[in-house]
C-alpha cells in the first residue's frame, strides 16, 4: 500500500511541476494567442489565474496548439 501512495504522490508531483512550467509560459506568452484581450491584463491578475492553469494544463495545451491566431 505504501508503494501505491508513493507512486501516486510522484505522479501528482510531476503533474504539478509540468503544470507550473506550462502555467508561466501560458499566462505570459501563450494566452494572448487564444484571447487577444489578455495583452492588456496586469501581471498580478495573470498570477491569480495560475492555480487554474496548473490544474487544467492538459486542456489548455490542446487549445493553445489549435489556435489560429499568431
PDB file of N, CA and C in Angstrom:
ATOM      1  N   UNK A   1       0.819  -1.196   0.000  1.00  0.00           N
ATOM      2  CA  UNK A   1       0.000   0.000   0.000  1.00  0.00           C
ATOM      3  C   UNK A   1       0.861   1.257   0.000  1.00  0.00           C
ATOM      4  N   UNK A   2       1.994   1.192   0.688  1.00  0.00           N
ATOM      5  CA  UNK A   2       2.885   2.346   0.747  1.00  0.00           C
ATOM      6  C   UNK A   2       3.462   2.667  -0.631  1.00  0.00           C
ATOM      7  N   UNK A   3       3.725   1.636  -1.422  1.00  0.00           N
ATOM      8  CA  UNK A   3       4.248   1.838  -2.762  1.00  0.00           C
ATOM      9  C   UNK A   3       3.229   2.547  -3.643  1.00  0.00           C
ATOM     10  N   UNK A   4       1.967   2.179  -3.510  1.00  0.00           N
ATOM     11  CA  UNK A   4       0.908   2.807  -4.295  1.00  0.00           C
ATOM     12  C   UNK A   4       0.815   4.291  -3.959  1.00  0.00           C
ATOM     13  N   UNK A   5       0.916   4.619  -2.679  1.00  0.00           N
ATOM     14  CA  UNK A   5       0.851   6.012  -2.255  1.00  0.00           C
ATOM     15  C   UNK A   5       2.055   6.789  -2.785  1.00  0.00           C
ATOM     16  N   UNK A   6       3.230   6.197  -2.727  1.00  0.00           N
ATOM     17  CA  UNK A   6       4.431   6.864  -3.240  1.00  0.00           C
ATOM     18  C   UNK A   6       4.343   7.107  -4.739  1.00  0.00           C
ATOM     19  N   UNK A   7       3.843   6.143  -5.486  1.00  0.00           N
ATOM     20  CA  UNK A   7       3.680   6.313  -6.931  1.00  0.00           C
ATOM     21  C   UNK A   7       2.655   7.400  -7.216  1.00  0.00           C
ATOM     22  N   UNK A   8       1.550   7.399  -6.486  1.00  0.00           N
ATOM     23  CA  UNK A   8       0.517   8.420  -6.678  1.00  0.00           C
ATOM     24  C   UNK A   8       1.074   9.814  -6.401  1.00  0.00           C
ATOM     25  N   UNK A   9       1.819   9.968  -5.319  1.00  0.00           N
ATOM     26  CA  UNK A   9       2.390  11.274  -4.990  1.00  0.00           C
ATOM     27  C   UNK A   9       3.444  11.705  -6.001  1.00  0.00           C
ATOM     28  N   UNK A  10       4.193  10.763  -6.539  1.00  0.00           N
ATOM     29  CA  UNK A  10       5.180  11.095  -7.565  1.00  0.00           C
ATOM     30  C   UNK A  10       4.495  11.575  -8.838  1.00  0.00           C
ATOM     31  N   UNK A  11       3.441  10.874  -9.245  1.00  0.00           N
ATOM     32  CA  UNK A  11       2.690  11.284 -10.438  1.00  0.00           C
ATOM     33  C   UNK A  11       2.046  12.646 -10.220  1.00  0.00           C
ATOM     34  N   UNK A  12       1.486  12.866  -9.040  1.00  0.00           N
ATOM     35  CA  UNK A  12       0.876  14.151  -8.721  1.00  0.00           C
ATOM     36  C   UNK A  12       1.913  15.275  -8.730  1.00  0.00           C
ATOM     37  N   UNK A  13       3.100  15.007  -8.225  1.00  0.00           N
ATOM     38  CA  UNK A  13       4.177  15.995  -8.240  1.00  0.00           C
ATOM     39  C   UNK A  13       4.638  16.333  -9.645  1.00  0.00           C
ATOM     40  N   UNK A  14       4.735  15.321 -10.490  1.00  0.00           N
ATOM     41  CA  UNK A  14       5.122  15.551 -11.891  1.00  0.00           C
ATOM     42  C   UNK A  14       4.050  16.360 -12.605  1.00  0.00           C
ATOM     43  N   UNK A  15       2.783  16.032 -12.356  1.00  0.00           N
ATOM     44  CA  UNK A  15       1.669  16.769 -12.952  1.00  0.00           C
ATOM     45  C   UNK A  15       1.725  18.242 -12.535  1.00  0.00           C
ATOM     46  N   UNK A  16       1.972  18.492 -11.251  1.00  0.00           N
ATOM     47  CA  UNK A  16       2.065  19.853 -10.746  1.00  0.00           C
ATOM     48  C   UNK A  16       3.252  20.595 -11.347  1.00  0.00           C
ATOM     49  N   UNK A  17       4.403  19.937 -11.452  1.00  0.00           N
ATOM     50  CA  UNK A  17       5.601  20.580 -11.988  1.00  0.00           C
ATOM     51  C   UNK A  17       5.412  20.963 -13.450  1.00  0.00           C
ATOM     52  N   UNK A  18       4.853  20.052 -14.239  1.00  0.00           N
ATOM     53  CA  UNK A  18       4.584  20.363 -15.644  1.00  0.00           C
ATOM     54  C   UNK A  18       3.566  21.494 -15.733  1.00  0.00           C
ATOM     55  N   UNK A  19       2.544  21.443 -14.892  1.00  0.00           N
ATOM     56  CA  UNK A  19       1.527  22.488 -14.888  1.00  0.00           C
ATOM     57  C   UNK A  19       2.091  23.835 -14.509  1.00  0.00           C
ATOM     58  N   UNK A  20       3.017  23.874 -13.571  1.00  0.00           N
ATOM     59  CA  UNK A  20       3.628  25.137 -13.165  1.00  0.00           C
ATOM     60  C   UNK A  20       4.467  25.734 -14.284  1.00  0.00           C
ATOM     61  N   UNK A  21       5.279  24.905 -14.928  1.00  0.00           N
ATOM     62  CA  UNK A  21       6.095  25.392 -16.049  1.00  0.00           C
ATOM     63  C   UNK A  21       5.220  25.865 -17.205  1.00  0.00           C
ATOM     64  N   UNK A  22       4.222  25.066 -17.543  1.00  0.00           N
ATOM     65  CA  UNK A  22       3.319  25.454 -18.619  1.00  0.00           C
ATOM     66  C   UNK A  22       2.520  26.693 -18.223  1.00  0.00           C
ATOM     67  N   UNK A  23       2.148  26.799 -16.953  1.00  0.00           N
ATOM     68  CA  UNK A  23       1.348  27.923 -16.490  1.00  0.00           C
ATOM     69  C   UNK A  23       2.040  29.252 -16.699  1.00  0.00           C
ATOM     70  N   UNK A  24       3.315  29.334 -16.349  1.00  0.00           N
ATOM     71  CA  UNK A  24       4.031  30.585 -16.550  1.00  0.00           C
ATOM     72  C   UNK A  24       4.167  30.910 -18.036  1.00  0.00           C
ATOM     73  N   UNK A  25       4.481  29.899 -18.843  1.00  0.00           N
ATOM     74  CA  UNK A  25       4.558  30.140 -20.287  1.00  0.00           C
ATOM     75  C   UNK A  25       3.206  30.591 -20.833  1.00  0.00           C
ATOM     76  N   UNK A  26       2.163  29.884 -20.448  1.00  0.00           N
ATOM     77  CA  UNK A  26       0.837  30.172 -20.986  1.00  0.00           C
ATOM     78  C   UNK A  26       0.356  31.559 -20.583  1.00  0.00           C
ATOM     79  N   UNK A  27       0.507  31.918 -19.333  1.00  0.00           N
ATOM     80  CA  UNK A  27      -0.036  33.186 -18.862  1.00  0.00           C
ATOM     81  C   UNK A  27       0.711  34.392 -19.394  1.00  0.00           C
ATOM     82  N   UNK A  28       2.006  34.269 -19.621  1.00  0.00           N
ATOM     83  CA  UNK A  28       2.765  35.433 -20.043  1.00  0.00           C
ATOM     84  C   UNK A  28       3.063  35.462 -21.542  1.00  0.00           C
ATOM     85  N   UNK A  29       2.890  34.361 -22.244  1.00  0.00           N
ATOM     86  CA  UNK A  29       3.161  34.334 -23.681  1.00  0.00           C
ATOM     87  C   UNK A  29       1.994  33.743 -24.465  1.00  0.00           C
ATOM     88  N   UNK A  30       1.545  32.568 -24.081  1.00  0.00           N
ATOM     89  CA  UNK A  30       0.593  31.817 -24.888  1.00  0.00           C
ATOM     90  C   UNK A  30      -0.857  32.246 -24.792  1.00  0.00           C
ATOM     91  N   UNK A  31      -1.262  32.861 -23.695  1.00  0.00           N
ATOM     92  CA  UNK A  31      -2.674  33.200 -23.517  1.00  0.00           C
ATOM     93  C   UNK A  31      -3.151  34.228 -24.537  1.00  0.00           C
ATOM     94  N   UNK A  32      -2.261  35.072 -25.007  1.00  0.00           N
ATOM     95  CA  UNK A  32      -2.660  36.083 -25.994  1.00  0.00           C
ATOM     96  C   UNK A  32      -2.956  35.455 -27.352  1.00  0.00           C
ATOM     97  N   UNK A  33      -2.485  34.239 -27.585  1.00  0.00           N
ATOM     98  CA  UNK A  33      -2.804  33.553 -28.840  1.00  0.00           C
ATOM     99  C   UNK A  33      -4.249  33.073 -28.846  1.00  0.00           C
ATOM    100  N   UNK A  34      -4.776  32.738 -27.673  1.00  0.00           N
ATOM    101  CA  UNK A  34      -6.163  32.297 -27.566  1.00  0.00           C
ATOM    102  C   UNK A  34      -7.094  33.482 -27.388  1.00  0.00           C
ATOM    103  N   UNK A  35      -6.701  34.421 -26.523  1.00  0.00           N
ATOM    104  CA  UNK A  35      -7.531  35.582 -26.213  1.00  0.00           C
ATOM    105  C   UNK A  35      -6.682  36.850 -26.336  1.00  0.00           C
ATOM    106  N   UNK A  36      -6.861  37.625 -27.400  1.00  0.00           N
ATOM    107  CA  UNK A  36      -6.047  38.832 -27.587  1.00  0.00           C
ATOM    108  C   UNK A  36      -6.235  39.875 -26.482  1.00  0.00           C
ATOM    109  N   UNK A  37      -7.336  39.826 -25.742  1.00  0.00           N
ATOM    110  CA  UNK A  37      -7.557  40.792 -24.670  1.00  0.00           C
ATOM    111  C   UNK A  37      -6.637  40.563 -23.470  1.00  0.00           C
ATOM    112  N   UNK A  38      -5.966  39.432 -23.421  1.00  0.00           N
ATOM    113  CA  UNK A  38      -5.040  39.149 -22.321  1.00  0.00           C
ATOM    114  C   UNK A  38      -3.806  40.040 -22.367  1.00  0.00           C
ATOM    115  N   UNK A  39      -3.540  40.687 -23.499  1.00  0.00           N
ATOM    116  CA  UNK A  39      -2.391  41.579 -23.592  1.00  0.00           C
ATOM    117  C   UNK A  39      -2.525  42.757 -22.638  1.00  0.00           C
ATOM    118  N   UNK A  40      -3.745  43.185 -22.367  1.00  0.00           N
ATOM    119  CA  UNK A  40      -3.975  44.357 -21.540  1.00  0.00           C
ATOM    120  C   UNK A  40      -4.057  44.048 -20.049  1.00  0.00           C
ATOM    121  N   UNK A  41      -3.999  42.797 -19.655  1.00  0.00           N
ATOM    122  CA  UNK A  41      -4.130  42.457 -18.239  1.00  0.00           C
ATOM    123  C   UNK A  41      -2.797  42.655 -17.511  1.00  0.00           C
ATOM    124  N   UNK A  42      -2.896  42.948 -16.240  1.00  0.00           N
ATOM    125  CA  UNK A  42      -1.702  43.162 -15.427  1.00  0.00           C
ATOM    126  C   UNK A  42      -1.119  41.823 -14.987  1.00  0.00           C
ATOM    127  N   UNK A  43       0.137  41.854 -14.589  1.00  0.00           N
ATOM    128  CA  UNK A  43       0.815  40.623 -14.176  1.00  0.00           C
ATOM    129  C   UNK A  43       0.195  40.030 -12.918  1.00  0.00           C
ATOM    130  N   UNK A  44      -0.308  40.855 -12.024  1.00  0.00           N
ATOM    131  CA  UNK A  44      -0.930  40.345 -10.802  1.00  0.00           C
ATOM    132  C   UNK A  44      -2.203  39.560 -11.118  1.00  0.00           C
ATOM    133  N   UNK A  45      -2.951  40.029 -12.091  1.00  0.00           N
ATOM    134  CA  UNK A  45      -4.169  39.318 -12.489  1.00  0.00           C
ATOM    135  C   UNK A  45      -3.805  37.977 -13.114  1.00  0.00           C
ATOM    136  N   UNK A  46      -2.765  37.963 -13.905  1.00  0.00           N
ATOM    137  CA  UNK A  46      -2.336  36.708 -14.526  1.00  0.00           C
ATOM    138  C   UNK A  46      -1.869  35.701 -13.475  1.00  0.00           C
ATOM    139  N   UNK A  47      -1.210  36.184 -12.427  1.00  0.00           N
ATOM    140  CA  UNK A  47      -0.777  35.277 -11.362  1.00  0.00           C
ATOM    141  C   UNK A  47      -1.967  34.711 -10.593  1.00  0.00           C
ATOM    142  N   UNK A  48      -3.067  35.443 -10.533  1.00  0.00           N
ATOM    143  CA  UNK A  48      -4.270  34.916  -9.898  1.00  0.00           C
ATOM    144  C   UNK A  48      -4.863  33.763 -10.701  1.00  0.00           C
ATOM    145  N   UNK A  49      -4.627  33.752 -11.989  1.00  0.00           N
ATOM    146  CA  UNK A  49      -5.125  32.688 -12.848  1.00  0.00           C
ATOM    147  C   UNK A  49      -4.232  31.446 -12.826  1.00  0.00           C
ATOM    148  N   UNK A  50      -3.049  31.561 -12.254  1.00  0.00           N
ATOM    149  CA  UNK A  50      -2.076  30.471 -12.280  1.00  0.00           C
ATOM    150  C   UNK A  50      -2.583  29.155 -11.671  1.00  0.00           C
ATOM    151  N   UNK A  51      -3.251  29.142 -10.516  1.00  0.00           N
ATOM    152  CA  UNK A  51      -3.716  27.843  -9.990  1.00  0.00           C
ATOM    153  C   UNK A  51      -4.694  27.130 -10.925  1.00  0.00           C
ATOM    154  N   UNK A  52      -5.550  27.881 -11.576  1.00  0.00           N
ATOM    155  CA  UNK A  52      -6.477  27.259 -12.519  1.00  0.00           C
ATOM    156  C   UNK A  52      -5.777  26.696 -13.735  1.00  0.00           C
ATOM    157  N   UNK A  53      -4.747  27.393 -14.196  1.00  0.00           N
ATOM    158  CA  UNK A  53      -3.982  26.912 -15.345  1.00  0.00           C
ATOM    159  C   UNK A  53      -3.193  25.655 -14.974  1.00  0.00           C
ATOM    160  N   UNK A  54      -2.644  25.628 -13.763  1.00  0.00           N
ATOM    161  CA  UNK A  54      -1.911  24.437 -13.308  1.00  0.00           C
ATOM    162  C   UNK A  54      -2.835  23.227 -13.280  1.00  0.00           C
ATOM    163  N   UNK A  55      -4.057  23.427 -12.823  1.00  0.00           N
ATOM    164  CA  UNK A  55      -4.992  22.307 -12.709  1.00  0.00           C
ATOM    165  C   UNK A  55      -5.496  21.824 -14.060  1.00  0.00           C
ATOM    166  N   UNK A  56      -5.606  22.713 -15.024  1.00  0.00           N
ATOM    167  CA  UNK A  56      -6.222  22.354 -16.310  1.00  0.00           C
ATOM    168  C   UNK A  56      -5.246  22.414 -17.483  1.00  0.00           C
ATOM    169  N   UNK A  57      -3.962  22.279 -17.231  1.00  0.00           N
ATOM    170  CA  UNK A  57      -2.997  22.442 -18.304  1.00  0.00           C
ATOM    171  C   UNK A  57      -3.156  21.451 -19.455  1.00  0.00           C
ATOM    172  N   UNK A  58      -3.597  20.205 -19.256  1.00  0.00           N
ATOM    173  CA  UNK A  58      -3.745  19.336 -20.433  1.00  0.00           C
ATOM    174  C   UNK A  58      -4.787  19.852 -21.434  1.00  0.00           C
ATOM    175  N   UNK A  59      -5.838  20.487 -20.941  1.00  0.00           N
ATOM    176  CA  UNK A  59      -6.860  21.025 -21.826  1.00  0.00           C
ATOM    177  C   UNK A  59      -6.375  22.308 -22.510  1.00  0.00           C
ATOM    178  N   UNK A  60      -5.647  23.132 -21.765  1.00  0.00           N
ATOM    179  CA  UNK A  60      -5.177  24.402 -22.319  1.00  0.00           C
ATOM    180  C   UNK A  60      -4.068  24.213 -23.339  1.00  0.00           C
ATOM    181  N   UNK A  61      -3.255  23.194 -23.179  1.00  0.00           N
ATOM    182  CA  UNK A  61      -2.180  22.963 -24.145  1.00  0.00           C
ATOM    183  C   UNK A  61      -2.777  22.564 -25.496  1.00  0.00           C
ATOM    184  N   UNK A  62      -3.868  21.830 -25.465  1.00  0.00           N
ATOM    185  CA  UNK A  62      -4.555  21.486 -26.710  1.00  0.00           C
ATOM    186  C   UNK A  62      -5.155  22.701 -27.377  1.00  0.00           C
ATOM    187  N   UNK A  63      -5.762  23.573 -26.599  1.00  0.00           N
ATOM    188  CA  UNK A  63      -6.342  24.805 -27.156  1.00  0.00           C
ATOM    189  C   UNK A  63      -5.266  25.731 -27.693  1.00  0.00           C
ATOM    190  N   UNK A  64      -4.117  25.758 -27.040  1.00  0.00           N
ATOM    191  CA  UNK A  64      -3.032  26.636 -27.471  1.00  0.00           C
ATOM    192  C   UNK A  64      -2.501  26.214 -28.833  1.00  0.00           C
ATOM    193  N   UNK A  65      -2.338  24.913 -29.049  1.00  0.00           N
ATOM    194  CA  UNK A  65      -1.803  24.445 -30.319  1.00  0.00           C
ATOM    195  C   UNK A  65      -2.845  24.451 -31.436  1.00  0.00           C
ATOM    196  N   UNK A  66      -4.135  24.464 -31.085  1.00  0.00           N
ATOM    197  CA  UNK A  66      -5.174  24.515 -32.099  1.00  0.00           C
ATOM    198  C   UNK A  66      -5.531  25.939 -32.499  1.00  0.00           C
ATOM    199  N   UNK A  67      -5.039  26.950 -31.749  1.00  0.00           N
ATOM    200  CA  UNK A  67      -5.412  28.336 -32.035  1.00  0.00           C
ATOM    201  C   UNK A  67      -4.797  28.785 -33.362  1.00  0.00           C
ATOM    202  N   UNK A  68      -5.544  29.567 -34.072  1.00  0.00           N
ATOM    203  CA  UNK A  68      -5.095  30.045 -35.382  1.00  0.00           C
ATOM    204  C   UNK A  68      -4.433  31.407 -35.299  1.00  0.00           C
ATOM    205  N   UNK A  69      -4.575  32.111 -34.174  1.00  0.00           N
ATOM    206  CA  UNK A  69      -4.003  33.438 -34.013  1.00  0.00           C
ATOM    207  C   UNK A  69      -2.500  33.343 -33.826  1.00  0.00           C
ATOM    208  N   UNK A  70      -1.780  34.270 -34.418  1.00  0.00           N
ATOM    209  CA  UNK A  70      -0.311  34.284 -34.312  1.00  0.00           C
ATOM    210  C   UNK A  70       0.136  35.095 -33.184  1.00  0.00           C
TER     211      UNK A  70
END
